[in-house]
Amino acid sequence: MRFEVWAPDAERVVLECAGATRALERDADRAGWWAAEEPAEDGTRYGFSLDGGPVLPDPRSRRQPEGPDGLSAVVDDDRYAWRNPWAGRGVRDAVLYELHVGTYTREGTLDAAADRLAHLADLGVTHVELMPLCPFPGRHGWGYEGVSLWAVHEPYGGPEALKRFVDAAHGLGLGVVLDVVHNHLGPSGNHLPAFGPYFTETHHTPWGAAVNLDAPGSDEVRAYLIGSALAWLRDYRIDALRLDAVHALRDTRACHFLEELSAAVADLAAELGRPLSLIAESDLGDPRVVTPRASGGLGMDAQWNDDFHHALHTALTGESQGYYEDFARAPLAALGKTLTRGFFHDGTYSTFRGRAHGRPVNRARTPAYRFLGYAQTHDQVGNRAQGDRLSAGLSPGLLACAAALTLMSPFTPMLFMGEEWGATTPWQFFTDHTDPELAEAVRRGRRREFAAHGWAEEDIPDPQDPATRERSCLDWSQPTNGHHARLLAWHRDLLRLRRTRGDVTDPDLAAVRVAHDERARWFALRRGDLRIGVNLGEAAVAIPLGARDARVLAAWEPVESPGADGVLRLPPESCAVLGVA
């Protein structure tokens, strides 16, 4: 096979392959590239030495059997025999389910997660969103400190296990989304700087020097990231990529990296004959992220909408710290604005940022499904001091209200694993760094961060303690018991309505109607012929729906359909979905 590597500053590059060494030759057609042909097969170990230095893994390694610091291994993608034909599935009318392989089951492997996919198909979701899978030091972690951006974390099962997972998901009609991180690499096991200018001091990010997207040498760095993205979509038959924190991609070039990536993915989709999607996590509040390239945008198919989360969270919990402050002043009004306008901060002043933030969404040009709506995510749970879910402080009734507002919203809904049954297991920040100094630095940094907000150090879980990860694993005995089973049935009912009632997936934000009463704590949402009534308060309420002929389609507590006065009467902390005949 052909071995090649980009090392523009090296004077000599040696390939170590299956215990033998061979000097690579400069590629006459590509500046900075070195290449050689050498016998190899699936599983053959190899690495590169630059100018007499240590043997390092291939930056484009497809497998790291011994972890990020070990030799790379050849992967023959043709060895896997795909069982399930798949025409693809786009994000329009989708329902996503965010899943962390290492805690979805106690086994923490892709094969164990695949054994639980039937639960998701029965629930009614359409796509499984996997948190990052690239290799990182140790066994357990969130995955956002990965390196080797073309490989699969070996403790999860490696490349073959990912193919089995995707194949099994497709066999159940589920699409697969993969979370990828292009804005930084982990602090340990990252060997890219030895090969070339993959990072630049021109810009800085919360993780240090920025990934080089616009400085000298950035053409190859961009090609490296785009090649990795296309490999996930092509070789593993992934349906969409979730791009982590795109606001941290520092790029001053005329053609932004995201626009270039969007064009490359569109070309691959045309070649493969199936839809491929890009979903951005963006803190910019800028609708140009999801505006098509032909209209001057960056061409993302969808983006996470934290404004919806923040409004819903403050309405449910009353929290007002940090970025919740502006939303907490009138949480139901904030929720109404996001449901009808897309963003809450659309050029308004953000107290948390100390400046105006965001830009209005052109509702005539931007369909609602381009925004993801959610009540919980790995970020919004795991970045809390104790990783507590909404279930730690809310009644089952309020959890049902959160589900109704999320799953009946105009946005593409997303659930975080276990949310559908009100899981009481926390999801905490955990690491497994093999470098003792780095492990201690992460431990101290985590405790220092929350000590500044009044937390005692002993109350912050130790990220390096294996028990922290163990506590974060889902308890699969819960879904069949008590209020957990009832919440699971409620989510199934709501998702069934989402599938069967076209009004729920109407992409027109301008057609959404809301009403609310901050003091009485009720909220009403109108989606075509559907009415969603929610009572977040501790007293019964009368909601003037103005629909005399509406009938109850689903309700958390027994309620009667509105009479001649068109008023829906809801018990405390309950909700109902009604259809107008």
Protein backbone atom coordinates (compact mmCIF):
# COMPACT_ATOMS: atom_id res chain seq x y z
CA MET A 1 0.00 0.00 0.00
CA ARG A 2 1.00 3.62 -0.36
CA PHE A 3 2.16 5.35 2.83
CA GLU A 4 2.26 9.14 2.73
CA VAL A 5 2.59 11.97 5.20
CA TRP A 6 2.72 15.78 5.13
CA ALA A 7 5.86 17.01 6.89
CA PRO A 8 6.89 20.24 5.12
CA ASP A 9 9.79 21.14 7.41
CA ALA A 10 11.40 17.71 7.64
CA GLU A 11 14.69 16.90 5.93
CA ARG A 12 14.24 13.14 6.21
CA VAL A 13 11.21 10.95 6.90
CA VAL A 14 11.48 7.24 7.68
CA LEU A 15 8.60 4.78 7.68
CA GLU A 16 8.69 2.02 10.28
CA CYS A 17 6.35 -0.73 9.07
CA ALA A 18 5.98 -4.21 10.55
CA GLY A 19 9.35 -3.86 12.25
CA ALA A 20 11.23 -2.80 9.10
CA THR A 21 12.31 0.74 8.16
CA ARG A 22 12.33 2.54 4.85
CA ALA A 23 13.11 6.13 3.89
CA LEU A 24 10.24 7.96 2.22
CA GLU A 25 10.76 10.10 -0.87
CA ARG A 26 9.52 13.62 -1.46
CA ASP A 27 6.36 13.77 -3.57
CA ALA A 28 7.26 15.77 -6.67
CA ASP A 29 3.64 16.79 -7.24
CA ARG A 30 2.72 17.89 -3.71
CA ALA A 31 4.94 20.23 -1.75
CA GLY A 32 5.75 19.03 1.74
CA TRP A 33 4.52 15.47 1.17
CA TRP A 34 6.53 12.28 1.51
CA ALA A 35 5.51 8.85 0.21
CA ALA A 36 6.54 5.25 -0.39
CA GLU A 37 4.98 1.90 -1.38
CA GLU A 38 5.36 -0.90 1.15
CA PRO A 39 3.67 -4.32 1.64
CA ALA A 40 0.99 -4.14 4.35
CA GLU A 41 -2.40 -5.55 5.26
CA ASP A 42 -5.20 -4.90 7.72
CA GLY A 43 -3.69 -4.61 11.19
CA THR A 44 -0.08 -3.92 10.09
CA ARG A 45 1.59 -1.58 12.59
CA TYR A 46 3.50 1.44 11.32
CA GLY A 47 4.68 4.95 12.17
CA PHE A 48 6.91 7.79 10.95
CA SER A 49 10.22 9.15 12.22
CA LEU A 50 11.15 12.72 11.28
CA ASP A 51 14.82 13.72 11.11
CA GLY A 52 15.92 10.88 13.37
CA GLY A 53 13.32 11.57 16.04
CA PRO A 54 11.01 9.05 17.75
CA VAL A 55 8.55 6.98 15.75
CA LEU A 56 5.20 8.76 15.83
CA PRO A 57 1.72 7.67 14.79
CA ASP A 58 0.37 8.70 11.40
CA PRO A 59 -1.61 11.98 11.58
CA ARG A 60 -4.18 10.24 9.35
CA SER A 61 -4.11 7.01 11.32
CA ARG A 62 -7.29 4.97 10.98
CA ARG A 63 -6.58 2.94 14.10
CA GLN A 64 -4.53 3.31 17.29
CA PRO A 65 -4.61 -0.13 18.95
CA GLU A 66 -2.34 0.92 21.83
CA GLY A 67 -3.72 4.43 22.23
CA PRO A 68 -2.68 7.87 20.93
CA ASP A 69 1.03 7.36 21.65
CA GLY A 70 1.35 3.91 20.09
CA LEU A 71 1.97 2.85 16.50
CA SER A 72 -0.80 3.22 13.94
CA ALA A 73 -2.49 0.23 12.31
CA VAL A 74 -3.61 -0.23 8.72
CA VAL A 75 -7.40 -0.52 8.29
CA ASP A 76 -8.86 -2.23 5.24
CA ASP A 77 -12.38 -0.80 4.98
CA ASP A 78 -13.39 -3.41 2.41
CA ARG A 79 -13.09 -6.17 5.02
CA TYR A 80 -16.41 -5.20 6.58
CA ALA A 81 -19.49 -6.64 4.82
CA TRP A 82 -22.34 -4.19 5.30
CA ARG A 83 -25.63 -5.99 5.99
CA ASN A 84 -28.25 -3.27 5.72
CA PRO A 85 -28.83 -1.19 2.58
CA TRP A 86 -29.28 2.45 3.49
CA ALA A 87 -30.66 5.33 1.41
CA GLY A 88 -29.78 7.92 4.04
CA ARG A 89 -31.79 10.23 6.24
CA GLY A 90 -31.53 14.02 6.40
CA VAL A 91 -32.23 16.33 9.34
CA ARG A 92 -35.58 17.58 8.06
CA ASP A 93 -38.31 16.17 10.37
CA ALA A 94 -35.64 14.50 12.49
CA VAL A 95 -35.62 13.74 16.22
CA LEU A 96 -32.10 13.38 17.64
CA TYR A 97 -30.89 11.47 20.68
CA GLU A 98 -27.49 12.43 22.10
CA LEU A 99 -25.57 9.44 23.41
CA HIS A 100 -22.20 8.97 25.12
CA VAL A 101 -20.87 5.50 24.34
CA GLY A 102 -18.88 5.22 27.56
CA THR A 103 -21.88 5.75 29.87
CA TYR A 104 -24.89 4.71 27.81
CA THR A 105 -24.16 1.23 29.19
CA ARG A 106 -21.89 0.11 32.01
CA GLU A 107 -19.86 -1.89 29.50
CA GLY A 108 -19.10 1.39 27.73
CA THR A 109 -18.61 -0.05 24.24
CA LEU A 110 -20.15 0.50 20.83
CA ASP A 111 -21.35 -3.10 20.71
CA ALA A 112 -23.11 -2.75 24.06
CA ALA A 113 -24.70 0.50 22.89
CA ALA A 114 -25.85 -1.21 19.68
CA ASP A 115 -27.69 -3.77 21.80
CA ARG A 116 -29.84 -0.90 23.16
CA LEU A 117 -30.73 0.64 19.80
CA ALA A 118 -34.13 -1.09 19.65
CA HIS A 119 -35.14 1.05 22.64
CA LEU A 120 -34.52 4.17 20.56
CA ALA A 121 -36.38 2.88 17.51
CA ASP A 122 -39.35 2.05 19.75
CA LEU A 123 -39.12 5.48 21.39
CA GLY A 124 -39.56 7.21 18.05
CA VAL A 125 -36.28 9.06 17.53
CA THR A 126 -34.83 9.16 14.02
CA HIS A 127 -31.11 9.78 14.64
CA VAL A 128 -28.57 8.73 17.25
CA GLU A 129 -25.98 11.45 17.89
CA LEU A 130 -22.74 9.92 19.19
CA MET A 131 -20.44 12.07 21.26
CA PRO A 132 -16.82 12.16 19.97
CA LEU A 133 -15.14 8.83 19.27
CA CYS A 134 -11.56 9.85 18.40
CA PRO A 135 -8.82 8.29 20.56
CA PHE A 136 -7.82 9.96 23.81
CA PRO A 137 -5.47 8.87 26.63
CA GLY A 138 -6.93 6.41 29.10
CA ARG A 139 -10.18 4.52 28.83
CA HIS A 140 -12.96 6.86 29.96
CA GLY A 141 -13.67 10.49 29.13
CA TRP A 142 -16.14 12.75 27.38
CA GLY A 143 -14.18 12.54 24.11
CA TYR A 144 -13.59 16.27 23.57
CA GLU A 145 -9.86 15.87 24.19
CA GLY A 146 -9.39 13.45 21.33
CA VAL A 147 -6.45 13.20 18.97
CA SER A 148 -5.95 11.11 15.80
CA LEU A 149 -8.97 12.65 14.08
CA TRP A 150 -9.40 9.76 11.64
CA ALA A 151 -9.47 6.94 14.21
CA VAL A 152 -11.95 5.37 16.69
CA HIS A 153 -11.19 5.09 20.41
CA GLU A 154 -9.98 1.54 20.91
CA PRO A 155 -11.69 0.88 24.30
CA TYR A 156 -15.01 1.60 22.56
CA GLY A 157 -14.25 -1.21 20.10
CA GLY A 158 -12.28 0.52 17.34
CA PRO A 159 -13.25 0.94 13.67
CA GLU A 160 -15.02 -2.41 13.21
CA ALA A 161 -17.27 -1.78 16.21
CA LEU A 162 -18.32 1.60 14.83
CA LYS A 163 -19.26 -0.02 11.53
CA ARG A 164 -21.30 -2.66 13.37
CA PHE A 165 -23.05 0.08 15.35
CA VAL A 166 -23.92 2.15 12.27
CA ASP A 167 -25.05 -0.96 10.40
CA ALA A 168 -27.31 -1.99 13.28
CA ALA A 169 -28.76 1.52 13.56
CA HIS A 170 -29.53 1.62 9.85
CA GLY A 171 -31.16 -1.78 10.10
CA LEU A 172 -33.61 -0.24 12.58
CA GLY A 173 -34.20 2.83 10.41
CA LEU A 174 -32.05 5.10 12.58
CA GLY A 175 -29.62 7.61 11.15
CA VAL A 176 -26.29 8.23 12.90
CA VAL A 177 -24.76 11.61 13.72
CA LEU A 178 -21.15 11.85 14.91
CA ASP A 179 -19.83 14.70 17.05
CA VAL A 180 -16.45 15.86 15.71
CA VAL A 181 -14.04 18.40 17.19
CA HIS A 182 -12.11 20.63 14.79
CA ASN A 183 -11.44 23.60 17.08
CA HIS A 184 -8.76 21.96 19.25
CA LEU A 185 -7.06 18.67 20.07
CA GLY A 186 -6.41 17.12 23.45
CA PRO A 187 -3.52 18.26 25.62
CA SER A 188 -2.01 14.77 25.74
CA GLY A 189 -1.13 12.45 22.85
CA ASN A 190 -1.29 15.20 20.23
CA HIS A 191 1.69 14.69 17.89
CA LEU A 192 0.53 16.92 15.01
CA PRO A 193 2.88 19.86 15.80
CA ALA A 194 5.87 17.59 15.10
CA PHE A 195 4.71 17.13 11.51
CA GLY A 196 3.79 20.64 10.47
CA PRO A 197 2.03 23.94 11.23
CA TYR A 198 -1.26 22.41 12.32
CA PHE A 199 -1.60 25.16 14.95
CA THR A 200 -0.94 28.88 14.86
CA GLU A 201 -0.13 31.56 17.42
CA THR A 202 -1.94 34.04 15.17
CA HIS A 203 -5.11 33.29 17.13
CA HIS A 204 -5.76 31.92 20.57
CA THR A 205 -8.68 29.92 21.91
CA PRO A 206 -9.66 28.68 25.39
CA TRP A 207 -7.44 25.67 24.62
CA GLY A 208 -4.34 27.65 23.56
CA ALA A 209 -2.98 28.19 20.05
CA ALA A 210 -5.70 27.91 17.43
CA VAL A 211 -5.96 25.21 14.79
CA ASN A 212 -4.33 26.73 11.72
CA LEU A 213 -7.16 27.65 9.33
CA ASP A 214 -5.76 30.85 7.85
CA ALA A 215 -2.00 31.16 8.50
CA PRO A 216 0.78 29.80 6.24
CA GLY A 217 0.34 26.07 5.70
CA SER A 218 -3.39 26.25 6.39
CA ASP A 219 -4.37 24.80 3.00
CA GLU A 220 -3.11 21.38 4.12
CA VAL A 221 -4.58 21.73 7.61
CA ARG A 222 -8.00 22.50 6.18
CA ALA A 223 -7.65 19.54 3.80
CA TYR A 224 -6.71 17.36 6.79
CA LEU A 225 -9.89 18.30 8.68
CA ILE A 226 -12.13 18.03 5.64
CA GLY A 227 -10.60 14.68 4.70
CA SER A 228 -11.34 13.39 8.19
CA ALA A 229 -14.95 14.59 7.99
CA LEU A 230 -15.49 12.96 4.61
CA ALA A 231 -13.96 9.69 5.82
CA TRP A 232 -16.54 9.40 8.63
CA LEU A 233 -19.37 10.00 6.17
CA ARG A 234 -18.02 7.76 3.42
CA ASP A 235 -16.22 4.86 5.12
CA TYR A 236 -18.47 4.51 8.17
CA ARG A 237 -21.72 5.51 6.43
CA ILE A 238 -22.37 8.21 9.03
CA ASP A 239 -25.35 10.39 8.06
CA ALA A 240 -24.39 13.72 9.65
CA LEU A 241 -21.65 15.42 11.63
CA ARG A 242 -22.15 17.63 14.66
CA LEU A 243 -19.38 20.24 14.62
CA ASP A 244 -18.24 21.23 18.10
CA ALA A 245 -18.05 24.95 19.01
CA VAL A 246 -17.66 26.40 15.52
CA HIS A 247 -17.38 29.88 17.06
CA ALA A 248 -13.89 28.80 18.18
CA LEU A 249 -12.76 28.15 14.58
CA ARG A 250 -10.58 31.21 14.00
CA ASP A 251 -10.60 31.85 10.28
CA THR A 252 -10.10 35.19 8.50
CA ARG A 253 -9.94 33.80 4.96
CA ALA A 254 -12.48 34.96 2.38
CA CYS A 255 -13.91 31.45 2.13
CA HIS A 256 -14.56 30.33 5.68
CA PHE A 257 -13.58 26.79 6.61
CA LEU A 258 -17.21 25.87 7.29
CA GLU A 259 -18.23 26.99 3.82
CA GLU A 260 -15.45 24.91 2.27
CA LEU A 261 -16.46 21.90 4.38
CA SER A 262 -20.12 22.34 3.40
CA ALA A 263 -19.23 22.33 -0.29
CA ALA A 264 -17.09 19.19 0.09
CA VAL A 265 -19.87 17.36 1.96
CA ALA A 266 -22.41 18.36 -0.68
CA ASP A 267 -20.14 16.94 -3.40
CA LEU A 268 -19.77 13.68 -1.47
CA ALA A 269 -23.54 13.44 -0.97
CA ALA A 270 -24.03 13.79 -4.72
CA GLU A 271 -21.39 11.13 -5.35
CA LEU A 272 -22.90 8.66 -2.86
CA GLY A 273 -26.51 9.41 -3.73
CA ARG A 274 -27.66 9.87 -0.14
CA PRO A 275 -28.23 12.95 2.05
CA LEU A 276 -25.37 14.08 4.29
CA SER A 277 -25.78 16.84 6.86
CA LEU A 278 -23.73 19.21 9.00
CA ILE A 279 -25.00 20.42 12.38
CA ALA A 280 -23.07 23.21 14.09
CA GLU A 281 -22.75 24.06 17.74
CA SER A 282 -22.55 27.84 17.55
CA ASP A 283 -22.53 30.59 20.19
CA LEU A 284 -22.59 33.33 17.58
CA GLY A 285 -26.33 33.93 17.46
CA ASP A 286 -25.83 34.39 13.72
CA PRO A 287 -28.37 32.87 11.30
CA ARG A 288 -25.77 33.03 8.53
CA VAL A 289 -24.37 29.80 10.00
CA VAL A 290 -27.45 27.93 8.72
CA THR A 291 -27.99 30.05 5.62
CA PRO A 292 -27.24 28.15 2.36
CA ARG A 293 -23.98 28.95 0.63
CA ALA A 294 -25.86 30.08 -2.45
CA SER A 295 -27.45 32.81 -0.32
CA GLY A 296 -24.19 33.99 1.19
CA GLY A 297 -24.22 31.77 4.29
CA LEU A 298 -21.88 29.14 5.66
CA GLY A 299 -24.11 26.28 4.53
CA MET A 300 -24.70 24.36 7.77
CA ASP A 301 -27.89 22.29 7.66
CA ALA A 302 -28.76 23.01 11.29
CA GLN A 303 -27.35 24.36 14.53
CA TRP A 304 -27.87 23.87 18.25
CA ASN A 305 -30.04 26.63 19.75
CA ASP A 306 -28.93 27.31 23.32
CA ASP A 307 -31.33 30.27 23.55
CA PHE A 308 -34.26 27.86 23.57
CA HIS A 309 -32.58 25.75 26.23
CA HIS A 310 -31.79 28.73 28.45
CA ALA A 311 -35.33 30.10 28.26
CA LEU A 312 -36.86 26.72 28.99
CA HIS A 313 -34.40 25.98 31.80
CA THR A 314 -35.08 29.24 33.61
CA ALA A 315 -38.84 28.78 33.21
CA LEU A 316 -38.60 25.31 34.76
CA THR A 317 -36.04 25.93 37.51
CA GLY A 318 -36.00 29.64 38.27
CA GLU A 319 -32.19 29.68 38.04
CA SER A 320 -30.71 33.06 37.13
CA GLN A 321 -26.93 32.71 37.43
CA GLY A 322 -24.48 33.32 34.59
CA TYR A 323 -25.95 33.24 31.10
CA TYR A 324 -29.42 32.54 32.52
CA GLU A 325 -29.71 36.09 33.89
CA ASP A 326 -31.38 37.77 30.91
CA PHE A 327 -33.75 34.85 30.37
CA ALA A 328 -34.79 34.71 34.03
CA ARG A 329 -36.22 38.25 34.11
CA ALA A 330 -39.34 37.06 32.26
CA PRO A 331 -38.70 33.39 31.37
CA LEU A 332 -42.03 32.65 29.68
CA ALA A 333 -41.68 35.75 27.51
CA ALA A 334 -38.13 34.64 26.65
CA LEU A 335 -39.43 31.18 25.78
CA GLY A 336 -42.13 32.70 23.60
CA LYS A 337 -39.59 34.83 21.75
CA THR A 338 -37.31 31.90 20.95
CA LEU A 339 -40.25 29.76 19.77
CA THR A 340 -41.44 32.45 17.38
CA ARG A 341 -38.20 34.27 16.46
CA GLY A 342 -35.54 31.57 16.70
CA PHE A 343 -33.07 33.48 18.87
CA PHE A 344 -33.66 35.37 22.11
CA HIS A 345 -30.49 37.41 21.67
CA ASP A 346 -31.01 38.81 18.17
CA GLY A 347 -29.07 42.03 18.57
CA THR A 348 -30.25 42.64 22.14
CA TYR A 349 -27.98 43.37 25.10
CA SER A 350 -26.51 40.30 26.78
CA THR A 351 -25.72 40.93 30.44
CA PHE A 352 -23.54 37.82 30.58
CA ARG A 353 -21.38 39.09 27.70
CA GLY A 354 -21.60 42.77 28.57
CA ARG A 355 -22.54 43.69 24.99
CA ALA A 356 -25.19 43.33 22.32
CA HIS A 357 -25.33 39.83 20.89
CA GLY A 358 -26.88 37.99 17.99
CA ARG A 359 -28.73 38.85 14.82
CA PRO A 360 -32.42 38.49 13.85
CA VAL A 361 -33.51 35.38 12.00
CA ASN A 362 -35.17 36.03 8.64
CA ARG A 363 -38.21 33.85 9.20
CA ALA A 364 -39.22 34.01 5.56
CA ARG A 365 -35.92 32.41 4.51
CA THR A 366 -34.91 30.27 7.48
CA PRO A 367 -36.99 27.17 8.26
CA ALA A 368 -37.41 26.29 11.92
CA TYR A 369 -35.96 22.81 11.51
CA ARG A 370 -32.51 24.37 11.04
CA PHE A 371 -32.46 24.98 14.80
CA LEU A 372 -32.17 22.18 17.35
CA GLY A 373 -34.28 22.53 20.48
CA TYR A 374 -33.52 20.65 23.70
CA ALA A 375 -34.14 20.72 27.43
CA GLN A 376 -30.87 18.92 28.31
CA THR A 377 -27.54 18.14 26.62
CA HIS A 378 -24.18 16.77 27.71
CA ASP A 379 -22.97 20.37 28.07
CA GLN A 380 -25.90 21.68 30.07
CA VAL A 381 -25.85 18.70 32.46
CA GLY A 382 -22.18 17.75 32.61
CA ASN A 383 -20.86 21.28 33.03
CA ARG A 384 -22.87 21.76 36.21
CA ALA A 385 -20.87 21.34 39.41
CA GLN A 386 -22.41 17.95 40.24
CA GLY A 387 -23.64 16.93 36.81
CA ASP A 388 -27.25 16.97 38.00
CA ARG A 389 -30.03 16.47 35.49
CA LEU A 390 -33.37 18.31 35.57
CA SER A 391 -34.79 15.23 37.31
CA ALA A 392 -32.70 16.05 40.40
CA GLY A 393 -34.84 19.09 41.17
CA LEU A 394 -38.07 18.85 39.18
CA SER A 395 -41.20 16.79 39.64
CA PRO A 396 -42.22 14.23 37.02
CA GLY A 397 -44.97 16.66 36.00
CA LEU A 398 -42.48 19.42 35.20
CA LEU A 399 -40.29 16.94 33.31
CA ALA A 400 -43.38 16.07 31.27
CA CYS A 401 -43.90 19.80 30.59
CA ALA A 402 -40.30 20.11 29.41
CA ALA A 403 -40.88 17.20 27.02
CA ALA A 404 -44.08 18.73 25.66
CA LEU A 405 -42.44 22.09 24.94
CA THR A 406 -39.36 20.47 23.38
CA LEU A 407 -41.02 17.79 21.27
CA MET A 408 -43.93 19.97 20.13
CA SER A 409 -41.70 22.96 19.33
CA PRO A 410 -41.05 24.10 15.73
CA PHE A 411 -37.40 23.15 16.13
CA THR A 412 -35.67 19.85 15.43
CA PRO A 413 -35.86 18.25 18.89
CA MET A 414 -33.02 16.48 20.64
CA LEU A 415 -33.03 14.38 23.80
CA PHE A 416 -30.06 13.59 26.02
CA MET A 417 -29.70 9.91 26.88
CA GLY A 418 -31.97 8.85 29.74
CA GLU A 419 -34.02 12.04 29.58
CA GLU A 420 -36.93 10.10 28.12
CA TRP A 421 -37.50 8.29 31.41
CA GLY A 422 -36.33 11.03 33.78
CA ALA A 423 -33.09 9.25 34.63
CA THR A 424 -31.87 10.09 38.11
CA THR A 425 -28.26 9.12 37.44
CA PRO A 426 -26.12 12.27 37.16
CA TRP A 427 -23.84 12.87 34.20
CA GLN A 428 -20.64 14.25 35.65
CA PHE A 429 -17.34 15.47 34.28
CA PHE A 430 -14.87 12.58 34.26
CA THR A 431 -11.42 11.94 32.83
CA ASP A 432 -8.84 9.17 32.79
CA HIS A 433 -5.63 11.06 32.08
CA THR A 434 -2.55 8.84 32.17
CA ASP A 435 -0.24 11.81 32.84
CA PRO A 436 -0.29 12.36 36.64
CA GLU A 437 0.54 16.07 36.36
CA LEU A 438 -2.23 16.68 33.83
CA ALA A 439 -4.68 14.66 35.92
CA GLU A 440 -3.93 16.78 38.99
CA ALA A 441 -4.15 20.01 37.00
CA VAL A 442 -7.60 19.04 35.68
CA ARG A 443 -8.74 18.07 39.18
CA ARG A 444 -7.55 21.37 40.69
CA GLY A 445 -8.91 23.42 37.82
CA ARG A 446 -12.37 21.88 38.06
CA ARG A 447 -12.59 22.51 41.80
CA ARG A 448 -11.19 26.03 41.48
CA GLU A 449 -13.75 26.88 38.82
CA PHE A 450 -16.70 26.06 41.05
CA ALA A 451 -15.13 27.31 44.27
CA ALA A 452 -15.37 30.77 42.68
CA HIS A 453 -19.14 30.28 42.68
CA GLY A 454 -19.42 29.22 46.29
CA TRP A 455 -18.99 25.46 46.03
CA ALA A 456 -16.91 23.58 48.58
CA GLU A 457 -14.08 21.61 46.99
CA GLU A 458 -15.22 18.36 48.58
CA ASP A 459 -18.61 18.71 46.87
CA ILE A 460 -17.07 18.67 43.38
CA PRO A 461 -16.67 15.11 42.04
CA ASP A 462 -13.07 14.12 41.32
CA PRO A 463 -12.88 13.72 37.51
CA GLN A 464 -10.14 11.10 37.84
CA ASP A 465 -12.03 8.91 40.33
CA PRO A 466 -13.48 5.89 38.46
CA ALA A 467 -16.57 6.23 40.66
CA THR A 468 -17.39 9.53 38.91
CA ARG A 469 -17.78 7.73 35.60
CA GLU A 470 -19.63 4.85 37.28
CA ARG A 471 -22.20 7.24 38.76
CA SER A 472 -22.76 8.68 35.29
CA CYS A 473 -23.75 5.38 33.67
CA LEU A 474 -27.43 4.95 32.90
CA ASP A 475 -29.44 2.63 35.13
CA TRP A 476 -31.40 0.49 32.69
CA SER A 477 -33.65 -0.87 35.43
CA GLN A 478 -35.37 2.53 35.73
CA PRO A 479 -37.38 2.72 32.47
CA THR A 480 -39.78 -0.03 33.56
CA ASN A 481 -40.49 1.31 37.05
CA GLY A 482 -42.87 3.90 38.54
CA HIS A 483 -42.86 7.44 37.21
CA HIS A 484 -39.91 6.55 34.95
CA ALA A 485 -42.11 4.19 32.96
CA ARG A 486 -44.83 6.83 32.83
CA LEU A 487 -42.42 9.48 31.52
CA LEU A 488 -41.13 7.05 28.90
CA ALA A 489 -44.69 6.40 27.72
CA TRP A 490 -45.30 10.16 27.63
CA HIS A 491 -42.28 10.72 25.38
CA ARG A 492 -43.48 7.93 23.08
CA ASP A 493 -46.93 9.52 22.86
CA LEU A 494 -45.48 12.93 22.02
CA LEU A 495 -43.16 11.51 19.38
CA ARG A 496 -46.04 9.58 17.85
CA LEU A 497 -47.96 12.87 17.55
CA ARG A 498 -44.90 14.48 16.00
CA ARG A 499 -44.79 11.73 13.36
CA THR A 500 -48.52 11.73 12.58
CA ARG A 501 -49.48 15.42 12.85
CA GLY A 502 -47.97 17.51 10.11
CA ASP A 503 -48.59 20.72 12.04
CA VAL A 504 -45.79 19.82 14.46
CA THR A 505 -43.14 19.77 11.75
CA ASP A 506 -44.34 22.90 9.93
CA PRO A 507 -41.05 24.79 9.37
CA ASP A 508 -42.66 28.26 9.33
CA LEU A 509 -41.56 30.15 12.44
CA ALA A 510 -43.92 33.01 11.57
CA ALA A 511 -46.88 30.67 11.87
CA VAL A 512 -46.11 29.78 15.51
CA ARG A 513 -48.36 31.45 18.08
CA VAL A 514 -47.77 31.68 21.83
CA ALA A 515 -49.52 33.05 24.92
CA HIS A 516 -48.40 33.04 28.54
CA ASP A 517 -48.96 34.36 32.04
CA GLU A 518 -45.75 34.89 34.00
CA ARG A 519 -47.52 35.15 37.36
CA ALA A 520 -49.83 32.15 36.94
CA ARG A 521 -46.96 30.27 35.18
CA TRP A 522 -48.91 28.89 32.27
CA PHE A 523 -47.78 28.80 28.65
CA ALA A 524 -49.73 27.97 25.50
CA LEU A 525 -48.29 27.10 22.10
CA ARG A 526 -50.24 26.93 18.84
CA ARG A 527 -48.97 24.80 15.96
CA GLY A 528 -51.61 24.90 13.20
CA ASP A 529 -54.55 22.86 14.47
CA LEU A 530 -52.65 21.77 17.58
CA ARG A 531 -52.72 23.50 20.94
CA ILE A 532 -50.17 22.73 23.65
CA GLY A 533 -51.02 23.90 27.15
CA VAL A 534 -48.46 23.82 29.95
CA ASN A 535 -48.88 24.67 33.63
CA LEU A 536 -45.55 25.14 35.39
CA GLY A 537 -47.15 26.43 38.58
CA GLU A 538 -48.21 24.85 41.86
CA ALA A 539 -51.86 25.83 41.44
CA ALA A 540 -54.47 24.82 38.88
CA VAL A 541 -54.89 27.25 35.98
CA ALA A 542 -57.43 28.13 33.31
CA ILE A 543 -55.80 28.74 29.93
CA PRO A 544 -57.95 30.61 27.39
CA LEU A 545 -57.14 28.61 24.28
CA GLY A 546 -60.01 30.12 22.30
CA ALA A 547 -60.70 26.75 20.68
CA ARG A 548 -64.15 25.42 21.58
CA ASP A 549 -63.92 22.30 19.45
CA ALA A 550 -60.45 21.20 20.59
CA ARG A 551 -60.14 17.69 21.96
CA VAL A 552 -57.43 16.24 24.16
CA LEU A 553 -54.95 14.08 22.22
CA ALA A 554 -52.50 13.51 25.07
CA ALA A 555 -52.35 14.72 28.67
CA TRP A 556 -50.01 14.18 31.61
CA GLU A 557 -52.92 14.29 34.07
CA PRO A 558 -56.59 13.57 33.26
CA VAL A 559 -58.17 16.75 31.87
CA GLU A 560 -61.37 17.57 30.05
CA SER A 561 -61.51 19.12 26.61
CA PRO A 562 -62.40 22.84 26.62
CA GLY A 563 -66.08 23.63 26.71
CA ALA A 564 -67.97 26.44 25.00
CA ASP A 565 -65.70 29.01 26.65
CA GLY A 566 -62.61 27.52 24.96
CA VAL A 567 -60.77 27.35 28.29
CA LEU A 568 -58.40 24.51 29.15
CA ARG A 569 -58.21 23.77 32.87
CA LEU A 570 -54.93 22.17 33.90
CA PRO A 571 -53.88 20.76 37.27
CA PRO A 572 -50.58 21.92 38.81
CA GLU A 573 -47.38 20.95 37.00
CA SER A 574 -49.08 19.29 34.08
CA CYS A 575 -49.58 19.67 30.36
CA ALA A 576 -51.82 18.60 27.50
CA VAL A 577 -51.83 18.49 23.72
CA LEU A 578 -55.11 19.20 21.95
CA GLY A 579 -56.24 18.98 18.35
CA VAL A 580 -58.82 21.21 16.72
CA ALA A 581 -61.34 19.23 14.71
